[in-house]
């Protein structure tokens, strides 16, 4: 049986990273600094890069991505622009994007990914 490794687990509700069976699971990432979808997406993807590095992997090993946007008609296009600029075109994950009310009114985008080690 393979072990489960939990990293960056200071938050009483969750770990930022869980590794099991050669797969890295990240918690949903948000950006509270930027006020627009493009800026929030840039901040989120920077966090994802850092978390993947802490887990010993990178975006070239992405397996899946779940993306939530506050208003799909307003926030999808700027989020998707930044996503496409960031993504390794030879390592595209499966992806789903939906509209959702996020945890805070100021949040416009949330992204969760999984990756191989």
N, C-alpha and C. Protein backbone atom coordinates (compact mmCIF):
# COMPACT_ATOMS: atom_id res chain seq x y z
N UNK A 1 0.85 -1.19 0.00
CA UNK A 1 0.00 0.00 0.00
C UNK A 1 0.89 1.24 0.00
N UNK A 2 0.63 2.15 -0.92
CA UNK A 2 1.47 3.36 -0.99
C UNK A 2 1.04 4.36 0.07
N UNK A 3 1.99 5.14 0.51
CA UNK A 3 1.71 6.11 1.56
C UNK A 3 1.05 7.36 0.99
N UNK A 4 0.45 8.11 1.88
CA UNK A 4 -0.15 9.41 1.53
C UNK A 4 0.70 10.48 2.19
N UNK A 5 1.17 11.44 1.40
CA UNK A 5 1.99 12.54 1.90
C UNK A 5 1.16 13.81 1.81
N UNK A 6 1.08 14.55 2.91
CA UNK A 6 0.33 15.81 2.95
C UNK A 6 1.32 16.94 3.23
N UNK A 7 1.34 17.94 2.35
CA UNK A 7 2.26 19.06 2.48
C UNK A 7 1.49 20.37 2.61
N UNK A 8 2.14 21.33 3.25
CA UNK A 8 1.55 22.65 3.44
C UNK A 8 0.15 22.51 4.03
N UNK A 9 0.11 21.89 5.22
CA UNK A 9 -1.16 21.58 5.88
C UNK A 9 -1.41 22.42 7.12
N UNK A 10 -0.93 23.67 7.12
CA UNK A 10 -1.14 24.57 8.26
C UNK A 10 -2.60 24.98 8.42
N UNK A 11 -3.34 25.00 7.33
CA UNK A 11 -4.75 25.35 7.36
C UNK A 11 -5.51 24.22 8.06
N UNK A 12 -6.34 24.53 9.06
CA UNK A 12 -7.04 23.45 9.78
C UNK A 12 -8.06 22.71 8.92
N UNK A 13 -8.41 23.26 7.76
CA UNK A 13 -9.43 22.65 6.92
C UNK A 13 -8.89 21.73 5.84
N UNK A 14 -7.62 21.94 5.44
CA UNK A 14 -7.13 21.19 4.28
C UNK A 14 -5.62 21.28 4.15
N UNK A 15 -5.08 20.38 3.34
CA UNK A 15 -3.69 20.46 2.88
C UNK A 15 -3.70 21.16 1.54
N UNK A 16 -2.64 21.86 1.22
CA UNK A 16 -2.51 22.46 -0.10
C UNK A 16 -2.09 21.42 -1.13
N UNK A 17 -1.36 20.40 -0.66
CA UNK A 17 -0.83 19.35 -1.54
C UNK A 17 -1.04 17.99 -0.87
N UNK A 18 -1.54 17.05 -1.64
CA UNK A 18 -1.58 15.64 -1.21
C UNK A 18 -0.97 14.82 -2.33
N UNK A 19 -0.05 13.92 -1.96
CA UNK A 19 0.61 13.05 -2.93
C UNK A 19 0.29 11.60 -2.57
N UNK A 20 -0.18 10.86 -3.56
CA UNK A 20 -0.52 9.45 -3.34
C UNK A 20 -0.42 8.70 -4.67
N UNK A 21 0.25 7.58 -4.65
CA UNK A 21 0.33 6.74 -5.83
C UNK A 21 0.93 7.43 -7.04
N UNK A 22 1.89 8.33 -6.81
CA UNK A 22 2.55 9.02 -7.91
C UNK A 22 1.74 10.17 -8.50
N UNK A 23 0.64 10.53 -7.84
CA UNK A 23 -0.21 11.63 -8.29
C UNK A 23 -0.18 12.74 -7.26
N UNK A 24 -0.07 13.98 -7.74
CA UNK A 24 -0.10 15.17 -6.88
C UNK A 24 -1.47 15.82 -7.04
N UNK A 25 -2.13 16.02 -5.92
CA UNK A 25 -3.44 16.69 -5.90
C UNK A 25 -3.26 18.04 -5.21
N UNK A 26 -3.65 19.10 -5.87
CA UNK A 26 -3.59 20.42 -5.24
C UNK A 26 -5.00 20.85 -4.85
N UNK A 27 -5.07 21.59 -3.75
CA UNK A 27 -6.37 22.18 -3.38
C UNK A 27 -6.70 23.31 -4.36
N UNK A 28 -7.93 23.72 -4.38
CA UNK A 28 -8.33 24.83 -5.23
C UNK A 28 -7.56 26.08 -4.86
N UNK A 29 -7.03 26.79 -5.86
CA UNK A 29 -6.22 27.98 -5.63
C UNK A 29 -6.99 29.22 -6.09
N UNK A 30 -6.90 30.27 -5.28
CA UNK A 30 -7.50 31.57 -5.61
C UNK A 30 -6.45 32.65 -5.43
N UNK A 31 -6.75 33.83 -5.95
CA UNK A 31 -5.88 34.98 -5.79
C UNK A 31 -6.72 36.12 -5.22
N UNK A 32 -6.33 36.62 -4.06
CA UNK A 32 -7.07 37.70 -3.40
C UNK A 32 -6.47 39.07 -3.66
N UNK A 33 -5.40 39.13 -4.46
CA UNK A 33 -4.72 40.40 -4.71
C UNK A 33 -5.29 41.16 -5.91
N UNK A 34 -5.43 40.48 -7.02
CA UNK A 34 -5.89 41.14 -8.25
C UNK A 34 -7.40 41.34 -8.21
N UNK A 35 -7.87 42.32 -8.96
CA UNK A 35 -9.30 42.62 -8.96
C UNK A 35 -9.99 42.19 -10.25
N UNK A 36 -9.25 41.64 -11.21
CA UNK A 36 -9.86 41.20 -12.46
C UNK A 36 -9.49 39.73 -12.73
N UNK A 37 -10.24 39.10 -13.64
CA UNK A 37 -10.05 37.67 -13.89
C UNK A 37 -8.67 37.36 -14.46
N UNK A 38 -8.16 38.22 -15.32
CA UNK A 38 -6.83 38.00 -15.89
C UNK A 38 -5.76 38.04 -14.80
N UNK A 39 -5.80 39.04 -13.97
CA UNK A 39 -4.82 39.17 -12.89
C UNK A 39 -4.94 38.05 -11.87
N UNK A 40 -6.18 37.67 -11.52
CA UNK A 40 -6.36 36.57 -10.58
C UNK A 40 -5.83 35.26 -11.17
N UNK A 41 -6.08 35.04 -12.44
CA UNK A 41 -5.59 33.80 -13.07
C UNK A 41 -4.06 33.76 -13.07
N UNK A 42 -3.43 34.87 -13.37
CA UNK A 42 -1.95 34.92 -13.32
C UNK A 42 -1.45 34.59 -11.92
N UNK A 43 -2.07 35.17 -10.91
CA UNK A 43 -1.67 34.89 -9.52
C UNK A 43 -1.89 33.44 -9.15
N UNK A 44 -3.01 32.88 -9.56
CA UNK A 44 -3.33 31.48 -9.27
C UNK A 44 -2.32 30.55 -9.93
N UNK A 45 -2.02 30.78 -11.20
CA UNK A 45 -1.09 29.90 -11.90
C UNK A 45 0.32 29.99 -11.34
N UNK A 46 0.69 31.15 -10.83
CA UNK A 46 1.98 31.28 -10.14
C UNK A 46 1.99 30.42 -8.88
N UNK A 47 0.89 30.46 -8.13
CA UNK A 47 0.78 29.61 -6.94
C UNK A 47 0.86 28.14 -7.32
N UNK A 48 0.17 27.76 -8.39
CA UNK A 48 0.18 26.37 -8.84
C UNK A 48 1.59 25.95 -9.22
N UNK A 49 2.32 26.80 -9.95
CA UNK A 49 3.71 26.49 -10.27
C UNK A 49 4.52 26.21 -9.02
N UNK A 50 4.37 27.06 -8.01
CA UNK A 50 5.12 26.91 -6.76
C UNK A 50 4.73 25.64 -6.01
N UNK A 51 3.43 25.34 -5.96
CA UNK A 51 2.98 24.13 -5.26
C UNK A 51 3.43 22.87 -5.99
N UNK A 52 3.34 22.87 -7.30
CA UNK A 52 3.82 21.71 -8.06
C UNK A 52 5.32 21.50 -7.83
N UNK A 53 6.09 22.57 -7.81
CA UNK A 53 7.53 22.46 -7.54
C UNK A 53 7.78 21.89 -6.15
N UNK A 54 7.00 22.35 -5.17
CA UNK A 54 7.15 21.83 -3.80
C UNK A 54 6.85 20.34 -3.73
N UNK A 55 6.01 19.86 -4.64
CA UNK A 55 5.66 18.44 -4.68
C UNK A 55 6.60 17.63 -5.57
N UNK A 56 7.54 18.30 -6.23
CA UNK A 56 8.51 17.60 -7.07
C UNK A 56 8.05 17.36 -8.50
N UNK A 57 7.17 18.22 -9.00
CA UNK A 57 6.70 18.07 -10.37
C UNK A 57 6.50 19.46 -10.99
N UNK A 58 5.88 19.51 -12.16
CA UNK A 58 5.64 20.80 -12.82
C UNK A 58 4.46 20.68 -13.78
N UNK A 59 4.12 21.78 -14.42
CA UNK A 59 2.93 21.82 -15.28
C UNK A 59 3.03 20.92 -16.51
N UNK A 60 4.23 20.47 -16.86
CA UNK A 60 4.36 19.56 -18.00
C UNK A 60 3.79 18.18 -17.68
N UNK A 61 3.46 17.95 -16.42
CA UNK A 61 2.93 16.65 -16.00
C UNK A 61 1.48 16.75 -15.52
N UNK A 62 0.80 17.83 -15.90
CA UNK A 62 -0.60 17.98 -15.51
C UNK A 62 -1.44 16.85 -16.08
N UNK A 63 -2.40 16.39 -15.27
CA UNK A 63 -3.34 15.36 -15.69
C UNK A 63 -4.74 15.93 -15.87
N UNK A 64 -5.16 16.76 -14.91
CA UNK A 64 -6.51 17.33 -14.97
C UNK A 64 -6.54 18.71 -14.34
N UNK A 65 -7.54 19.48 -14.76
CA UNK A 65 -7.76 20.82 -14.18
C UNK A 65 -9.26 21.06 -14.08
N UNK A 66 -9.66 21.59 -12.95
CA UNK A 66 -11.03 22.04 -12.76
C UNK A 66 -10.95 23.54 -12.52
N UNK A 67 -11.75 24.29 -13.27
CA UNK A 67 -11.72 25.74 -13.18
C UNK A 67 -13.13 26.23 -12.92
N UNK A 68 -13.25 27.12 -11.95
CA UNK A 68 -14.51 27.77 -11.63
C UNK A 68 -14.35 29.26 -11.89
N UNK A 69 -15.30 29.85 -12.59
CA UNK A 69 -15.32 31.30 -12.80
C UNK A 69 -16.64 31.85 -12.27
N UNK A 70 -16.60 33.05 -11.75
CA UNK A 70 -17.79 33.65 -11.14
C UNK A 70 -18.87 33.90 -12.19
N UNK A 71 -18.50 34.44 -13.33
CA UNK A 71 -19.46 34.73 -14.41
C UNK A 71 -18.84 34.25 -15.72
N UNK A 72 -19.36 33.16 -16.24
CA UNK A 72 -18.75 32.54 -17.42
C UNK A 72 -18.74 33.48 -18.62
N UNK A 73 -19.73 34.34 -18.76
CA UNK A 73 -19.79 35.23 -19.92
C UNK A 73 -18.79 36.38 -19.81
N UNK A 74 -18.36 36.71 -18.60
CA UNK A 74 -17.42 37.81 -18.38
C UNK A 74 -16.00 37.33 -18.10
N UNK A 75 -15.85 36.28 -17.33
CA UNK A 75 -14.54 35.88 -16.82
C UNK A 75 -13.86 34.74 -17.57
N UNK A 76 -14.62 33.99 -18.38
CA UNK A 76 -14.02 32.85 -19.08
C UNK A 76 -12.94 33.30 -20.06
N UNK A 77 -13.23 34.27 -20.89
CA UNK A 77 -12.28 34.67 -21.94
C UNK A 77 -10.95 35.18 -21.37
N UNK A 78 -10.95 36.10 -20.38
CA UNK A 78 -9.65 36.54 -19.84
C UNK A 78 -8.91 35.43 -19.08
N UNK A 79 -9.67 34.57 -18.38
CA UNK A 79 -9.02 33.44 -17.70
C UNK A 79 -8.39 32.51 -18.73
N UNK A 80 -9.14 32.20 -19.77
CA UNK A 80 -8.66 31.26 -20.77
C UNK A 80 -7.43 31.79 -21.52
N UNK A 81 -7.38 33.08 -21.76
CA UNK A 81 -6.22 33.72 -22.41
C UNK A 81 -4.96 33.45 -21.59
N UNK A 82 -5.03 33.72 -20.30
CA UNK A 82 -3.87 33.52 -19.42
C UNK A 82 -3.53 32.03 -19.32
N UNK A 83 -4.56 31.19 -19.18
CA UNK A 83 -4.34 29.74 -19.12
C UNK A 83 -3.57 29.25 -20.33
N UNK A 84 -4.01 29.66 -21.52
CA UNK A 84 -3.37 29.19 -22.77
C UNK A 84 -1.93 29.69 -22.89
N UNK A 85 -1.65 30.90 -22.40
CA UNK A 85 -0.28 31.42 -22.42
C UNK A 85 0.61 30.64 -21.45
N UNK A 86 0.06 30.19 -20.34
CA UNK A 86 0.82 29.49 -19.29
C UNK A 86 1.02 28.01 -19.62
N UNK A 87 0.04 27.39 -20.24
CA UNK A 87 0.03 25.95 -20.45
C UNK A 87 1.15 25.48 -21.37
N UNK A 88 1.75 24.34 -21.04
CA UNK A 88 2.69 23.67 -21.93
C UNK A 88 1.87 23.03 -23.04
N UNK A 89 1.98 23.50 -24.29
CA UNK A 89 1.10 22.99 -25.36
C UNK A 89 1.30 21.51 -25.67
N UNK A 90 2.39 20.93 -25.23
CA UNK A 90 2.60 19.50 -25.47
C UNK A 90 2.13 18.66 -24.28
N UNK A 91 1.55 19.30 -23.27
CA UNK A 91 1.14 18.56 -22.06
C UNK A 91 -0.21 19.06 -21.55
N UNK A 92 -1.19 19.15 -22.44
CA UNK A 92 -2.51 19.65 -22.06
C UNK A 92 -3.26 18.62 -21.22
N UNK A 93 -3.79 19.03 -20.06
CA UNK A 93 -4.57 18.11 -19.23
C UNK A 93 -6.01 18.03 -19.72
N UNK A 94 -6.77 17.08 -19.18
CA UNK A 94 -8.22 17.16 -19.33
C UNK A 94 -8.66 18.34 -18.48
N UNK A 95 -9.77 18.98 -18.87
CA UNK A 95 -10.16 20.20 -18.16
C UNK A 95 -11.67 20.37 -18.19
N UNK A 96 -12.20 20.92 -17.11
CA UNK A 96 -13.59 21.33 -17.06
C UNK A 96 -13.63 22.75 -16.49
N UNK A 97 -14.50 23.58 -17.05
CA UNK A 97 -14.67 24.96 -16.57
C UNK A 97 -16.16 25.21 -16.40
N UNK A 98 -16.53 25.68 -15.22
CA UNK A 98 -17.94 25.96 -14.94
C UNK A 98 -18.09 27.30 -14.22
N UNK A 99 -19.28 27.83 -14.27
CA UNK A 99 -19.62 29.04 -13.53
C UNK A 99 -20.05 28.65 -12.12
N UNK A 100 -19.58 29.41 -11.13
CA UNK A 100 -19.94 29.10 -9.74
C UNK A 100 -19.82 30.34 -8.86
N UNK A 101 -20.64 30.38 -7.83
CA UNK A 101 -20.45 31.38 -6.78
C UNK A 101 -19.26 30.91 -5.96
N UNK A 102 -18.25 31.76 -5.85
CA UNK A 102 -17.04 31.38 -5.12
C UNK A 102 -17.14 31.85 -3.67
N UNK A 103 -16.15 31.49 -2.85
CA UNK A 103 -16.22 31.69 -1.41
C UNK A 103 -16.32 33.15 -0.97
N UNK A 104 -15.74 34.06 -1.74
CA UNK A 104 -15.80 35.49 -1.42
C UNK A 104 -16.30 36.25 -2.65
N UNK A 105 -17.03 37.33 -2.45
CA UNK A 105 -17.54 38.10 -3.59
C UNK A 105 -16.44 38.63 -4.52
N UNK A 106 -15.26 38.88 -4.01
CA UNK A 106 -14.16 39.42 -4.83
C UNK A 106 -13.46 38.36 -5.67
N UNK A 107 -13.68 37.09 -5.38
CA UNK A 107 -13.03 36.01 -6.14
C UNK A 107 -13.75 35.78 -7.45
N UNK A 108 -12.98 35.76 -8.53
CA UNK A 108 -13.55 35.58 -9.87
C UNK A 108 -13.16 34.25 -10.50
N UNK A 109 -12.06 33.65 -10.03
CA UNK A 109 -11.52 32.42 -10.61
C UNK A 109 -10.97 31.55 -9.48
N UNK A 110 -11.16 30.23 -9.61
CA UNK A 110 -10.52 29.25 -8.74
C UNK A 110 -10.08 28.10 -9.64
N UNK A 111 -8.87 27.59 -9.40
CA UNK A 111 -8.34 26.50 -10.23
C UNK A 111 -7.77 25.41 -9.32
N UNK A 112 -8.11 24.16 -9.65
CA UNK A 112 -7.56 22.99 -8.96
C UNK A 112 -6.97 22.08 -10.01
N UNK A 113 -5.77 21.55 -9.76
CA UNK A 113 -5.13 20.64 -10.71
C UNK A 113 -4.62 19.38 -10.03
N UNK A 114 -4.44 18.36 -10.86
CA UNK A 114 -3.71 17.16 -10.45
C UNK A 114 -2.59 16.96 -11.46
N UNK A 115 -1.50 16.35 -11.00
CA UNK A 115 -0.34 16.12 -11.87
C UNK A 115 0.36 14.83 -11.46
N UNK A 116 1.08 14.26 -12.40
CA UNK A 116 1.92 13.11 -12.09
C UNK A 116 3.23 13.61 -11.50
N UNK A 117 3.88 12.75 -10.73
CA UNK A 117 5.19 13.10 -10.17
C UNK A 117 6.21 13.02 -11.29
